[in-house]
Each structure stands twice: as C-alpha cells, then as structure tokens.
Amino acid sequence: MNLIKKDNTKVNAGKLRCRVIIQIIQKVPDGYGSFIETWTDQDTVYAAIIPLRGVELLAAQKEQSEITTKIIIRYRSKFLADYRFKYGNRYFYVETIINPEERNRSLELMCRETK
C-alpha cells in the first residue's frame, strides 16, 4: 500500500482512515505501597491497519514471531516499541518500528494483535 503521494511530498491522508488510540504502560501506586501496571492513553491518531497475509506474513514471522499486522501512521519523532494501539476492542502491540527511507513522513509499525 503506497501512502506517499505521487509528488513524493506528503502522506496520502485518505488511506489513514482508522482512528486509533496510542497507549503506553505506566506504573501506578495501588495504595498498599506497591505498583500496578496499567495502560494509559497518550494520543489519538489516524492510521492504516493492514493485515499481513501470504508471503508478507511468512517473511515477517522470520523476523519476529506473531507479527500479524502492519500499522502505518504519520511520522512522530518520539515513538517507542513499548506503545500499543487500541482500535475498538482490538489491541496491537508494537514489535518493530520502520521509518521508510528515513524520510520522516510516515512510520510502519509491525505489530502483533491480541483481543
């Protein structure tokens, strides 16, 4: 899926049609002197959610186990592999972050999905 416009300047916003929530895990005091880990919302962005299949899935699984989905978002300078995406009742855990051609236009995130 080509998200860069033909003039090579911007991400094609029409392809980013899924509104997803970026979440990060944080340690929160439980009131008993200990901490519990909880996911908190960081931001809401538009993304393309692309299920991997066939050869893409086979190639991706050689790199990381259980990679099932590629998520593409606009470039963000600070994005960690500790994040996850929430889309409805689906959760996507980021395994790999790719900045195509190092051009800072978009990020391709190889994810594993859990429900």
C-alpha atoms as a PDB file:
ATOM      1  CA  MET A   1       0.000   0.000   0.000  1.00  0.00           C
ATOM      2  CA  ASN A   2       1.555   3.240  -1.140  1.00  0.00           C
ATOM      3  CA  LEU A   3       0.744   6.058   1.270  1.00  0.00           C
ATOM      4  CA  ILE A   4       3.141   8.628  -0.210  1.00  0.00           C
ATOM      5  CA  LYS A   5       1.589  10.874  -2.861  1.00  0.00           C
ATOM      6  CA  LYS A   6       2.987  10.764  -6.386  1.00  0.00           C
ATOM      7  CA  ASP A   7       4.736  14.121  -5.933  1.00  0.00           C
ATOM      8  CA  ASN A   8       6.699  12.461  -3.068  1.00  0.00           C
ATOM      9  CA  THR A   9       5.823  15.180  -0.561  1.00  0.00           C
ATOM     10  CA  LYS A  10       3.130  14.035   1.852  1.00  0.00           C
ATOM     11  CA  VAL A  11       1.349  11.043   3.256  1.00  0.00           C
ATOM     12  CA  ASN A  12      -1.949  10.401   1.489  1.00  0.00           C
ATOM     13  CA  ALA A  13      -4.388  11.147   4.326  1.00  0.00           C
ATOM     14  CA  GLY A  14      -7.223   9.304   2.573  1.00  0.00           C
ATOM     15  CA  LYS A  15      -5.511   5.980   3.275  1.00  0.00           C
ATOM     16  CA  LEU A  16      -5.286   6.714   7.024  1.00  0.00           C
ATOM     17  CA  ARG A  17      -8.918   6.035   7.845  1.00  0.00           C
ATOM     18  CA  CYS A  18      -8.789   4.137  11.146  1.00  0.00           C
ATOM     19  CA  ARG A  19      -8.860   6.281  14.276  1.00  0.00           C
ATOM     20  CA  VAL A  20      -6.634   4.530  16.829  1.00  0.00           C
ATOM     21  CA  ILE A  21      -5.535   5.324  20.368  1.00  0.00           C
ATOM     22  CA  ILE A  22      -1.825   5.167  21.202  1.00  0.00           C
ATOM     23  CA  GLN A  23      -1.310   3.762  24.699  1.00  0.00           C
ATOM     24  CA  ILE A  24       1.720   3.375  26.950  1.00  0.00           C
ATOM     25  CA  ILE A  25       2.128   1.230  30.035  1.00  0.00           C
ATOM     26  CA  GLN A  26       2.703   3.069  33.306  1.00  0.00           C
ATOM     27  CA  LYS A  27       3.256   2.009  36.893  1.00  0.00           C
ATOM     28  CA  VAL A  28       0.578   3.406  39.194  1.00  0.00           C
ATOM     29  CA  PRO A  29       0.579   3.180  43.029  1.00  0.00           C
ATOM     30  CA  ASP A  30      -2.004   0.676  44.259  1.00  0.00           C
ATOM     31  CA  GLY A  31      -2.422   2.270  47.711  1.00  0.00           C
ATOM     32  CA  TYR A  32      -0.661  -0.571  49.510  1.00  0.00           C
ATOM     33  CA  GLY A  33       2.918   0.520  48.884  1.00  0.00           C
ATOM     34  CA  SER A  34       3.197  -1.365  45.636  1.00  0.00           C
ATOM     35  CA  PHE A  35       2.590  -0.558  41.997  1.00  0.00           C
ATOM     36  CA  ILE A  36       0.388  -1.993  39.293  1.00  0.00           C
ATOM     37  CA  GLU A  37       0.957  -1.645  35.574  1.00  0.00           C
ATOM     38  CA  THR A  38      -1.834  -0.010  33.609  1.00  0.00           C
ATOM     39  CA  TRP A  39      -2.230   1.197  30.025  1.00  0.00           C
ATOM     40  CA  THR A  40      -2.940   4.919  29.654  1.00  0.00           C
ATOM     41  CA  ASP A  41      -3.971   6.822  26.548  1.00  0.00           C
ATOM     42  CA  GLN A  42      -1.258   9.031  25.039  1.00  0.00           C
ATOM     43  CA  ASP A  43      -2.819  10.293  21.824  1.00  0.00           C
ATOM     44  CA  THR A  44      -5.402   9.563  19.147  1.00  0.00           C
ATOM     45  CA  VAL A  45      -4.242   9.394  15.527  1.00  0.00           C
ATOM     46  CA  TYR A  46      -5.435   8.202  12.142  1.00  0.00           C
ATOM     47  CA  ALA A  47      -3.797   5.060  10.814  1.00  0.00           C
ATOM     48  CA  ALA A  48      -3.915   2.433   8.090  1.00  0.00           C
ATOM     49  CA  ILE A  49      -4.317  -1.054   9.551  1.00  0.00           C
ATOM     50  CA  ILE A  50      -3.088  -3.683   7.101  1.00  0.00           C
ATOM     51  CA  PRO A  51      -3.422  -7.381   7.964  1.00  0.00           C
ATOM     52  CA  LEU A  52      -0.410  -9.310   6.706  1.00  0.00           C
ATOM     53  CA  ARG A  53      -1.041 -12.399   4.639  1.00  0.00           C
ATOM     54  CA  GLY A  54       0.715 -14.898   2.471  1.00  0.00           C
ATOM     55  CA  VAL A  55       4.350 -14.078   1.744  1.00  0.00           C
ATOM     56  CA  GLU A  56       4.320 -10.888   3.859  1.00  0.00           C
ATOM     57  CA  LEU A  57       3.228 -12.838   6.930  1.00  0.00           C
ATOM     58  CA  LEU A  58       5.785 -15.589   6.337  1.00  0.00           C
ATOM     59  CA  ALA A  59       8.599 -13.044   5.884  1.00  0.00           C
ATOM     60  CA  ALA A  60       7.516 -11.026   8.911  1.00  0.00           C
ATOM     61  CA  GLN A  61       7.408 -14.102  11.124  1.00  0.00           C
ATOM     62  CA  LYS A  62      11.016 -14.889  10.265  1.00  0.00           C
ATOM     63  CA  GLU A  63      11.942 -11.554  11.851  1.00  0.00           C
ATOM     64  CA  GLN A  64       9.552 -11.596  14.821  1.00  0.00           C
ATOM     65  CA  SER A  65       7.103 -14.212  15.985  1.00  0.00           C
ATOM     66  CA  GLU A  66       3.366 -13.494  15.893  1.00  0.00           C
ATOM     67  CA  ILE A  67       3.537 -10.364  13.737  1.00  0.00           C
ATOM     68  CA  THR A  68       0.109 -10.224  12.163  1.00  0.00           C
ATOM     69  CA  THR A  69      -0.493  -6.586  11.210  1.00  0.00           C
ATOM     70  CA  LYS A  70       1.252  -3.556   9.773  1.00  0.00           C
ATOM     71  CA  ILE A  71       0.026  -0.171  11.025  1.00  0.00           C
ATOM     72  CA  ILE A  72       1.025   2.986   9.200  1.00  0.00           C
ATOM     73  CA  ILE A  73       0.780   6.427  10.814  1.00  0.00           C
ATOM     74  CA  ARG A  74       2.183   9.864  10.104  1.00  0.00           C
ATOM     75  CA  TYR A  75       5.741  10.325  11.340  1.00  0.00           C
ATOM     76  CA  ARG A  76       6.242  11.009  15.053  1.00  0.00           C
ATOM     77  CA  SER A  77       9.714  11.844  16.330  1.00  0.00           C
ATOM     78  CA  LYS A  78       9.198  10.064  19.652  1.00  0.00           C
ATOM     79  CA  PHE A  79       7.611   6.684  19.203  1.00  0.00           C
ATOM     80  CA  LEU A  80       8.579   3.681  21.317  1.00  0.00           C
ATOM     81  CA  ALA A  81       8.201  -0.035  20.851  1.00  0.00           C
ATOM     82  CA  ASP A  82       6.639  -0.027  24.348  1.00  0.00           C
ATOM     83  CA  TYR A  83       3.473   1.513  22.915  1.00  0.00           C
ATOM     84  CA  ARG A  84       0.377  -0.283  21.788  1.00  0.00           C
ATOM     85  CA  PHE A  85      -2.589   0.707  19.654  1.00  0.00           C
ATOM     86  CA  LYS A  86      -6.206   0.326  20.665  1.00  0.00           C
ATOM     87  CA  TYR A  87      -8.745   0.102  17.854  1.00  0.00           C
ATOM     88  CA  GLY A  88     -12.228  -0.683  19.135  1.00  0.00           C
ATOM     89  CA  ASN A  89     -11.845  -3.833  21.218  1.00  0.00           C
ATOM     90  CA  ARG A  90      -8.626  -4.846  19.420  1.00  0.00           C
ATOM     91  CA  TYR A  91      -5.080  -4.275  20.743  1.00  0.00           C
ATOM     92  CA  PHE A  92      -1.918  -4.138  18.634  1.00  0.00           C
ATOM     93  CA  TYR A  93       1.466  -4.399  20.384  1.00  0.00           C
ATOM     94  CA  VAL A  94       4.332  -2.762  18.507  1.00  0.00           C
ATOM     95  CA  GLU A  95       7.195  -5.130  17.703  1.00  0.00           C
ATOM     96  CA  THR A  96       9.183  -3.175  15.103  1.00  0.00           C
ATOM     97  CA  ILE A  97       9.266   0.485  14.043  1.00  0.00           C
ATOM     98  CA  ILE A  98      10.264   1.327  10.461  1.00  0.00           C
ATOM     99  CA  ASN A  99      10.858   4.850   9.114  1.00  0.00           C
ATOM    100  CA  PRO A 100      10.648   4.202   5.341  1.00  0.00           C
ATOM    101  CA  GLU A 101      13.649   5.613   3.516  1.00  0.00           C
ATOM    102  CA  GLU A 102      14.482   7.631   6.676  1.00  0.00           C
ATOM    103  CA  ARG A 103      12.374  10.466   5.232  1.00  0.00           C
ATOM    104  CA  ASN A 104      10.342  11.215   8.397  1.00  0.00           C
ATOM    105  CA  ARG A 105       6.999  11.120   6.585  1.00  0.00           C
ATOM    106  CA  SER A 106       5.406   8.008   7.987  1.00  0.00           C
ATOM    107  CA  LEU A 107       6.080   5.131  10.343  1.00  0.00           C
ATOM    108  CA  GLU A 108       5.397   1.499   9.518  1.00  0.00           C
ATOM    109  CA  LEU A 109       4.791  -0.451  12.696  1.00  0.00           C
ATOM    110  CA  MET A 110       4.899  -4.228  12.637  1.00  0.00           C
ATOM    111  CA  CYS A 111       2.509  -5.378  15.336  1.00  0.00           C
ATOM    112  CA  ARG A 112       1.058  -8.454  16.948  1.00  0.00           C
ATOM    113  CA  GLU A 113      -2.635  -8.401  17.715  1.00  0.00           C
ATOM    114  CA  THR A 114      -4.454  -9.622  20.798  1.00  0.00           C
ATOM    115  CA  LYS A 115      -8.120  -9.322  21.623  1.00  0.00           C
END
